[in-house]
Amino acid sequence: MSYITNSEEVSDAIKLLGLDAKQISLEKKSVVFEKVIKKFIKNNKYYYPLWENMHYSKGIRYQFAWKLFSKMLKGKEVVLFFDFDDDKNMFLFVDGGVLTDVFANCFRFTFYITNIENTFLLAYNDHDYLIASGEAIRWIEDMELL
């Protein structure tokens, strides 16, 4: 039996949709991940799963929270990644709003979204929680008002 990784599934969706997204180099991956750990993770250390160790965060339970990305992340350059124990690949999207379409073509898995500036971290886990830290907390609060 063959196992498809999260990044292979995302790559397949990107190809299917004809989107412009790039895998990030090993050197840049390390920089992005280290910045995320330092700013958003308790004790500045990676523990699996990452979402359980986010500090200063707010979350909502919504099975299809990724559908909100078309508005929430529209026009924002974002980095998509996974728990490093699961998959070490990262993708750069010029427009994070396309992630709604990407995830509509994938099975459910845990993923994380940040930006190069490291101003926010979003996590979507296998319990249907969207968890936000940094400036994304306001986005979650705004969603709860709907």
Foldseek 3Di string as FASTA:
>chain_A
DDDDAPVNLLVVLCVVVVADKDKDDPVLLVVVVQLCLVPFFPPSDDDPPRVVGGPQKDKDADQLVQLCQLPVQAQHWKKKDGRVVRPSIIMIHRTSNCSSSSVVRGDDAWMWMAHSVRQKIWIQHPRRMIMIHGPCRVVVVVVVVD
